[in-house]
N, C-alpha and C. Protein backbone atom coordinates (compact mmCIF):
# COMPACT_ATOMS: atom_id res chain seq x y z
N UNK A 1 2.02 -13.42 11.74
CA UNK A 1 1.99 -12.25 10.88
C UNK A 1 1.54 -12.66 9.48
N UNK A 2 0.41 -12.11 9.04
CA UNK A 2 -0.10 -12.42 7.71
C UNK A 2 0.65 -11.59 6.68
N UNK A 3 1.14 -12.25 5.66
CA UNK A 3 1.81 -11.54 4.58
C UNK A 3 1.26 -12.00 3.24
N UNK A 4 1.02 -11.05 2.36
CA UNK A 4 0.54 -11.33 1.02
C UNK A 4 1.53 -10.70 0.03
N UNK A 5 1.89 -11.46 -0.98
CA UNK A 5 2.84 -10.97 -1.97
C UNK A 5 2.29 -11.25 -3.36
N UNK A 6 2.04 -10.19 -4.11
CA UNK A 6 1.52 -10.32 -5.47
C UNK A 6 2.67 -10.35 -6.48
N UNK A 7 2.41 -10.98 -7.61
CA UNK A 7 3.37 -10.98 -8.71
C UNK A 7 2.61 -11.22 -10.01
N UNK A 8 3.29 -10.99 -11.13
CA UNK A 8 2.71 -11.31 -12.43
C UNK A 8 2.25 -10.13 -13.25
N UNK A 9 2.31 -8.93 -12.69
CA UNK A 9 1.90 -7.77 -13.45
C UNK A 9 2.90 -7.44 -14.55
N UNK A 10 2.55 -6.45 -15.38
CA UNK A 10 3.45 -6.05 -16.43
C UNK A 10 2.77 -5.14 -17.44
N UNK A 11 3.49 -4.87 -18.52
CA UNK A 11 2.98 -4.05 -19.61
C UNK A 11 2.52 -4.97 -20.72
N UNK A 12 1.29 -4.80 -21.16
CA UNK A 12 0.73 -5.67 -22.19
C UNK A 12 -0.15 -4.85 -23.12
N UNK A 13 -0.25 -5.29 -24.36
CA UNK A 13 -1.10 -4.60 -25.31
C UNK A 13 -2.56 -5.00 -25.11
N UNK A 14 -3.44 -4.11 -25.50
CA UNK A 14 -4.86 -4.40 -25.43
C UNK A 14 -5.16 -5.71 -26.14
N UNK A 15 -6.02 -6.52 -25.51
CA UNK A 15 -6.34 -7.83 -26.05
C UNK A 15 -5.48 -8.94 -25.49
N UNK A 16 -4.41 -8.57 -24.82
CA UNK A 16 -3.51 -9.56 -24.26
C UNK A 16 -3.99 -10.14 -22.94
N UNK A 17 -3.14 -10.97 -22.34
CA UNK A 17 -3.49 -11.66 -21.11
C UNK A 17 -2.35 -11.60 -20.11
N UNK A 18 -2.70 -11.70 -18.86
CA UNK A 18 -1.73 -11.82 -17.77
C UNK A 18 -2.30 -12.77 -16.73
N UNK A 19 -1.40 -13.36 -15.96
CA UNK A 19 -1.82 -14.17 -14.83
C UNK A 19 -1.13 -13.64 -13.59
N UNK A 20 -1.95 -13.14 -12.67
CA UNK A 20 -1.43 -12.61 -11.42
C UNK A 20 -1.46 -13.70 -10.35
N UNK A 21 -0.50 -13.65 -9.46
CA UNK A 21 -0.44 -14.60 -8.36
C UNK A 21 -0.33 -13.85 -7.05
N UNK A 22 -0.85 -14.47 -6.00
CA UNK A 22 -0.73 -13.92 -4.65
C UNK A 22 -0.32 -15.05 -3.74
N UNK A 23 0.86 -14.92 -3.16
CA UNK A 23 1.33 -15.89 -2.18
C UNK A 23 0.98 -15.40 -0.79
N UNK A 24 0.50 -16.32 0.05
CA UNK A 24 0.09 -15.95 1.41
C UNK A 24 0.88 -16.76 2.41
N UNK A 25 1.25 -16.12 3.49
CA UNK A 25 1.94 -16.82 4.57
C UNK A 25 1.45 -16.29 5.90
N UNK A 26 1.65 -17.10 6.93
CA UNK A 26 1.26 -16.69 8.26
C UNK A 26 -0.17 -17.01 8.62
N UNK A 27 -0.83 -17.77 7.75
CA UNK A 27 -2.24 -18.07 7.99
C UNK A 27 -2.64 -19.29 7.18
N UNK A 28 -3.65 -20.01 7.66
CA UNK A 28 -4.24 -21.08 6.86
C UNK A 28 -5.28 -20.41 5.98
N UNK A 29 -4.83 -19.93 4.83
CA UNK A 29 -5.66 -19.05 4.04
C UNK A 29 -6.89 -19.75 3.47
N UNK A 30 -6.85 -21.09 3.36
CA UNK A 30 -7.91 -21.81 2.67
C UNK A 30 -9.27 -21.69 3.36
N UNK A 31 -9.29 -21.28 4.63
CA UNK A 31 -10.57 -21.18 5.33
C UNK A 31 -11.18 -19.79 5.21
N UNK A 32 -10.50 -18.90 4.52
CA UNK A 32 -10.98 -17.53 4.37
C UNK A 32 -11.25 -17.20 2.91
N UNK A 33 -12.18 -16.28 2.71
CA UNK A 33 -12.35 -15.71 1.39
C UNK A 33 -11.15 -14.81 1.09
N UNK A 34 -10.79 -14.75 -0.17
CA UNK A 34 -9.72 -13.84 -0.59
C UNK A 34 -10.19 -13.09 -1.82
N UNK A 35 -9.64 -11.90 -2.00
CA UNK A 35 -10.11 -11.03 -3.07
C UNK A 35 -8.95 -10.45 -3.86
N UNK A 36 -9.28 -10.01 -5.04
CA UNK A 36 -8.41 -9.13 -5.82
C UNK A 36 -9.11 -7.78 -5.95
N UNK A 37 -8.38 -6.73 -5.66
CA UNK A 37 -8.81 -5.37 -5.87
C UNK A 37 -7.88 -4.73 -6.89
N UNK A 38 -8.31 -3.63 -7.44
CA UNK A 38 -7.42 -2.84 -8.28
C UNK A 38 -7.67 -1.36 -8.04
N UNK A 39 -6.64 -0.59 -8.30
CA UNK A 39 -6.74 0.86 -8.16
C UNK A 39 -6.13 1.53 -9.38
N UNK A 40 -6.98 2.18 -10.15
CA UNK A 40 -6.52 2.92 -11.31
C UNK A 40 -6.02 4.29 -10.87
N UNK A 41 -5.17 4.91 -11.66
CA UNK A 41 -4.66 6.24 -11.30
C UNK A 41 -5.80 7.23 -11.07
N UNK A 42 -5.76 7.90 -9.93
CA UNK A 42 -6.76 8.90 -9.62
C UNK A 42 -8.12 8.37 -9.21
N UNK A 43 -8.22 7.06 -9.04
CA UNK A 43 -9.52 6.46 -8.68
C UNK A 43 -9.41 5.69 -7.39
N UNK A 44 -10.57 5.37 -6.82
CA UNK A 44 -10.60 4.59 -5.60
C UNK A 44 -10.33 3.12 -5.90
N UNK A 45 -9.84 2.44 -4.89
CA UNK A 45 -9.61 1.00 -5.03
C UNK A 45 -10.97 0.31 -5.16
N UNK A 46 -11.05 -0.64 -6.11
CA UNK A 46 -12.32 -1.31 -6.34
C UNK A 46 -12.13 -2.83 -6.28
N UNK A 47 -13.19 -3.50 -5.83
CA UNK A 47 -13.18 -4.96 -5.76
C UNK A 47 -13.36 -5.53 -7.17
N UNK A 48 -12.48 -6.44 -7.54
CA UNK A 48 -12.52 -7.05 -8.87
C UNK A 48 -13.10 -8.46 -8.81
N UNK A 49 -12.62 -9.26 -7.87
CA UNK A 49 -13.05 -10.65 -7.81
C UNK A 49 -12.85 -11.20 -6.42
N UNK A 50 -13.72 -12.15 -6.03
CA UNK A 50 -13.67 -12.80 -4.73
C UNK A 50 -13.71 -14.30 -4.90
N UNK A 51 -12.87 -14.98 -4.13
CA UNK A 51 -12.89 -16.45 -4.07
C UNK A 51 -13.23 -16.83 -2.63
N UNK A 52 -14.39 -17.45 -2.44
CA UNK A 52 -14.82 -17.79 -1.10
C UNK A 52 -14.25 -19.15 -0.68
N UNK A 53 -14.25 -19.38 0.61
CA UNK A 53 -13.66 -20.62 1.13
C UNK A 53 -14.39 -21.85 0.62
N UNK A 54 -15.68 -21.71 0.28
CA UNK A 54 -16.44 -22.85 -0.22
C UNK A 54 -16.21 -23.06 -1.72
N UNK A 55 -15.45 -22.16 -2.33
CA UNK A 55 -15.11 -22.32 -3.73
C UNK A 55 -15.92 -21.49 -4.70
N UNK A 56 -16.91 -20.76 -4.20
CA UNK A 56 -17.70 -19.92 -5.11
C UNK A 56 -16.94 -18.63 -5.40
N UNK A 57 -17.29 -18.00 -6.50
CA UNK A 57 -16.59 -16.79 -6.94
C UNK A 57 -17.58 -15.68 -7.27
N UNK A 58 -17.08 -14.46 -7.22
CA UNK A 58 -17.86 -13.28 -7.59
C UNK A 58 -16.97 -12.32 -8.37
N UNK A 59 -17.55 -11.61 -9.32
CA UNK A 59 -16.79 -10.68 -10.14
C UNK A 59 -17.51 -9.35 -10.28
N UNK A 60 -16.72 -8.31 -10.42
CA UNK A 60 -17.28 -7.02 -10.78
C UNK A 60 -17.83 -7.12 -12.20
N UNK A 61 -18.90 -6.39 -12.46
CA UNK A 61 -19.53 -6.46 -13.79
C UNK A 61 -18.55 -6.11 -14.90
N UNK A 62 -17.63 -5.22 -14.62
CA UNK A 62 -16.70 -4.75 -15.65
C UNK A 62 -15.70 -5.81 -16.10
N UNK A 63 -15.56 -6.89 -15.32
CA UNK A 63 -14.57 -7.91 -15.67
C UNK A 63 -15.17 -9.28 -15.92
N UNK A 64 -16.46 -9.41 -15.75
CA UNK A 64 -17.12 -10.71 -15.96
C UNK A 64 -16.86 -11.21 -17.37
N UNK A 65 -16.50 -12.48 -17.46
CA UNK A 65 -16.23 -13.09 -18.75
C UNK A 65 -14.80 -12.92 -19.22
N UNK A 66 -14.05 -12.03 -18.58
CA UNK A 66 -12.65 -11.80 -18.97
C UNK A 66 -11.66 -12.20 -17.88
N UNK A 67 -12.06 -12.10 -16.63
CA UNK A 67 -11.19 -12.40 -15.51
C UNK A 67 -11.65 -13.71 -14.86
N UNK A 68 -10.70 -14.45 -14.33
CA UNK A 68 -11.03 -15.68 -13.61
C UNK A 68 -10.14 -15.78 -12.38
N UNK A 69 -10.78 -15.87 -11.22
CA UNK A 69 -10.06 -16.01 -9.96
C UNK A 69 -10.04 -17.48 -9.57
N UNK A 70 -8.92 -17.95 -9.06
CA UNK A 70 -8.82 -19.34 -8.66
C UNK A 70 -7.83 -19.46 -7.51
N UNK A 71 -7.85 -20.61 -6.88
CA UNK A 71 -6.95 -20.84 -5.75
C UNK A 71 -6.54 -22.29 -5.74
N UNK A 72 -5.33 -22.54 -5.38
CA UNK A 72 -4.82 -23.90 -5.21
C UNK A 72 -4.43 -24.05 -3.76
N UNK A 73 -5.32 -24.65 -2.97
CA UNK A 73 -5.08 -24.75 -1.53
C UNK A 73 -3.82 -25.53 -1.19
N UNK A 74 -3.43 -26.41 -2.09
CA UNK A 74 -2.24 -27.21 -1.82
C UNK A 74 -0.96 -26.41 -2.05
N UNK A 75 -1.06 -25.42 -2.96
CA UNK A 75 0.14 -24.68 -3.32
C UNK A 75 0.18 -23.27 -2.77
N UNK A 76 -0.85 -22.88 -2.10
CA UNK A 76 -0.89 -21.58 -1.45
C UNK A 76 -1.42 -20.40 -2.26
N UNK A 77 -0.97 -20.19 -3.46
CA UNK A 77 -1.32 -18.93 -4.09
C UNK A 77 -2.78 -18.76 -4.48
N UNK A 78 -3.13 -17.52 -4.61
CA UNK A 78 -4.38 -17.08 -5.22
C UNK A 78 -4.01 -16.55 -6.59
N UNK A 79 -4.82 -16.85 -7.60
CA UNK A 79 -4.51 -16.43 -8.95
C UNK A 79 -5.61 -15.52 -9.50
N UNK A 80 -5.22 -14.71 -10.46
CA UNK A 80 -6.20 -13.97 -11.24
C UNK A 80 -5.76 -14.03 -12.69
N UNK A 81 -6.49 -14.78 -13.50
CA UNK A 81 -6.24 -14.83 -14.93
C UNK A 81 -7.01 -13.70 -15.57
N UNK A 82 -6.31 -12.82 -16.27
CA UNK A 82 -6.99 -11.69 -16.87
C UNK A 82 -6.77 -11.74 -18.38
N UNK A 83 -7.84 -11.81 -19.12
CA UNK A 83 -7.82 -11.95 -20.56
C UNK A 83 -8.49 -10.75 -21.23
N UNK A 84 -8.29 -10.65 -22.53
CA UNK A 84 -8.91 -9.57 -23.32
C UNK A 84 -8.73 -8.22 -22.63
N UNK A 85 -7.51 -7.94 -22.25
CA UNK A 85 -7.22 -6.73 -21.48
C UNK A 85 -7.57 -5.48 -22.26
N UNK A 86 -8.06 -4.51 -21.52
CA UNK A 86 -8.44 -3.21 -22.06
C UNK A 86 -7.61 -2.12 -21.37
N UNK A 87 -7.41 -1.00 -22.03
CA UNK A 87 -6.65 0.09 -21.37
C UNK A 87 -7.25 0.47 -20.01
N UNK A 88 -8.55 0.37 -19.86
CA UNK A 88 -9.18 0.73 -18.59
C UNK A 88 -8.92 -0.30 -17.49
N UNK A 89 -8.28 -1.39 -17.82
CA UNK A 89 -7.88 -2.36 -16.79
C UNK A 89 -6.56 -1.95 -16.13
N UNK A 90 -5.93 -0.92 -16.63
CA UNK A 90 -4.67 -0.45 -16.07
C UNK A 90 -4.84 -0.04 -14.62
N UNK A 91 -3.88 -0.45 -13.80
CA UNK A 91 -3.91 -0.09 -12.38
C UNK A 91 -3.00 -0.99 -11.58
N UNK A 92 -3.01 -0.77 -10.29
CA UNK A 92 -2.28 -1.64 -9.37
C UNK A 92 -3.28 -2.65 -8.81
N UNK A 93 -2.92 -3.91 -8.91
CA UNK A 93 -3.79 -5.00 -8.46
C UNK A 93 -3.29 -5.51 -7.12
N UNK A 94 -4.24 -5.60 -6.17
CA UNK A 94 -3.91 -5.98 -4.80
C UNK A 94 -4.64 -7.26 -4.40
N UNK A 95 -3.94 -8.07 -3.67
CA UNK A 95 -4.52 -9.24 -3.04
C UNK A 95 -4.99 -8.82 -1.64
N UNK A 96 -6.11 -9.36 -1.20
CA UNK A 96 -6.70 -8.96 0.08
C UNK A 96 -7.30 -10.16 0.80
N UNK A 97 -7.16 -10.16 2.13
CA UNK A 97 -7.82 -11.14 2.96
C UNK A 97 -8.27 -10.45 4.24
N UNK A 98 -9.45 -10.80 4.71
CA UNK A 98 -9.95 -10.26 5.97
C UNK A 98 -10.02 -11.39 6.99
N UNK A 99 -9.33 -11.21 8.10
CA UNK A 99 -9.30 -12.20 9.16
C UNK A 99 -9.89 -11.55 10.41
N UNK A 100 -11.10 -11.98 10.76
CA UNK A 100 -11.79 -11.30 11.85
C UNK A 100 -12.08 -9.86 11.45
N UNK A 101 -11.58 -8.93 12.23
CA UNK A 101 -11.78 -7.51 11.92
C UNK A 101 -10.57 -6.89 11.22
N UNK A 102 -9.58 -7.68 10.94
CA UNK A 102 -8.33 -7.17 10.37
C UNK A 102 -8.28 -7.41 8.87
N UNK A 103 -7.91 -6.37 8.15
CA UNK A 103 -7.72 -6.46 6.70
C UNK A 103 -6.24 -6.48 6.38
N UNK A 104 -5.87 -7.39 5.50
CA UNK A 104 -4.48 -7.50 5.09
C UNK A 104 -4.39 -7.31 3.57
N UNK A 105 -3.35 -6.57 3.18
CA UNK A 105 -3.13 -6.28 1.76
C UNK A 105 -1.69 -6.61 1.37
N UNK A 106 -1.52 -6.98 0.13
CA UNK A 106 -0.18 -7.09 -0.40
C UNK A 106 0.29 -5.71 -0.87
N UNK A 107 1.49 -5.69 -1.42
CA UNK A 107 2.07 -4.42 -1.87
C UNK A 107 1.56 -4.01 -3.24
N UNK A 108 0.90 -4.95 -3.94
CA UNK A 108 0.33 -4.65 -5.25
C UNK A 108 1.27 -5.00 -6.39
N UNK A 109 0.68 -5.25 -7.54
CA UNK A 109 1.44 -5.48 -8.75
C UNK A 109 0.83 -4.64 -9.87
N UNK A 110 1.68 -3.93 -10.61
CA UNK A 110 1.21 -2.98 -11.62
C UNK A 110 0.85 -3.70 -12.91
N UNK A 111 -0.34 -3.39 -13.41
CA UNK A 111 -0.77 -3.86 -14.73
C UNK A 111 -0.99 -2.62 -15.60
N UNK A 112 -0.30 -2.57 -16.72
CA UNK A 112 -0.45 -1.45 -17.64
C UNK A 112 -0.83 -2.00 -19.01
N UNK A 113 -1.94 -1.51 -19.54
CA UNK A 113 -2.44 -1.99 -20.82
C UNK A 113 -2.35 -0.84 -21.83
N UNK A 114 -1.60 -1.06 -22.89
CA UNK A 114 -1.45 -0.05 -23.93
C UNK A 114 -2.47 -0.31 -25.04
N UNK A 115 -2.93 0.78 -25.63
CA UNK A 115 -3.94 0.66 -26.69
C UNK A 115 -3.29 0.49 -28.06
């Protein structure tokens, strides 16, 4: 059973930083790409960043230069360092992994940015 658990969200002022973590169990996650998505109130869930098994990364244009996705295969978690936060970064951030045809999501962690 694949389980993903996010943590690290919170309330922060614009310009601040947060570090989100995603713990994974039930799978050798290092051989799969993993992603961070976010969902703002009233909007669709959107892909924010991807960490591929070979170590390459991809970012949405809206977060390039401010967000950094990383993974520590020895320690399990997936991280998302988010800097220079803007009010439009507010939302629930989800960790995601696709194994074969199955998509797995964590419960999400809330990030709220005040102006």
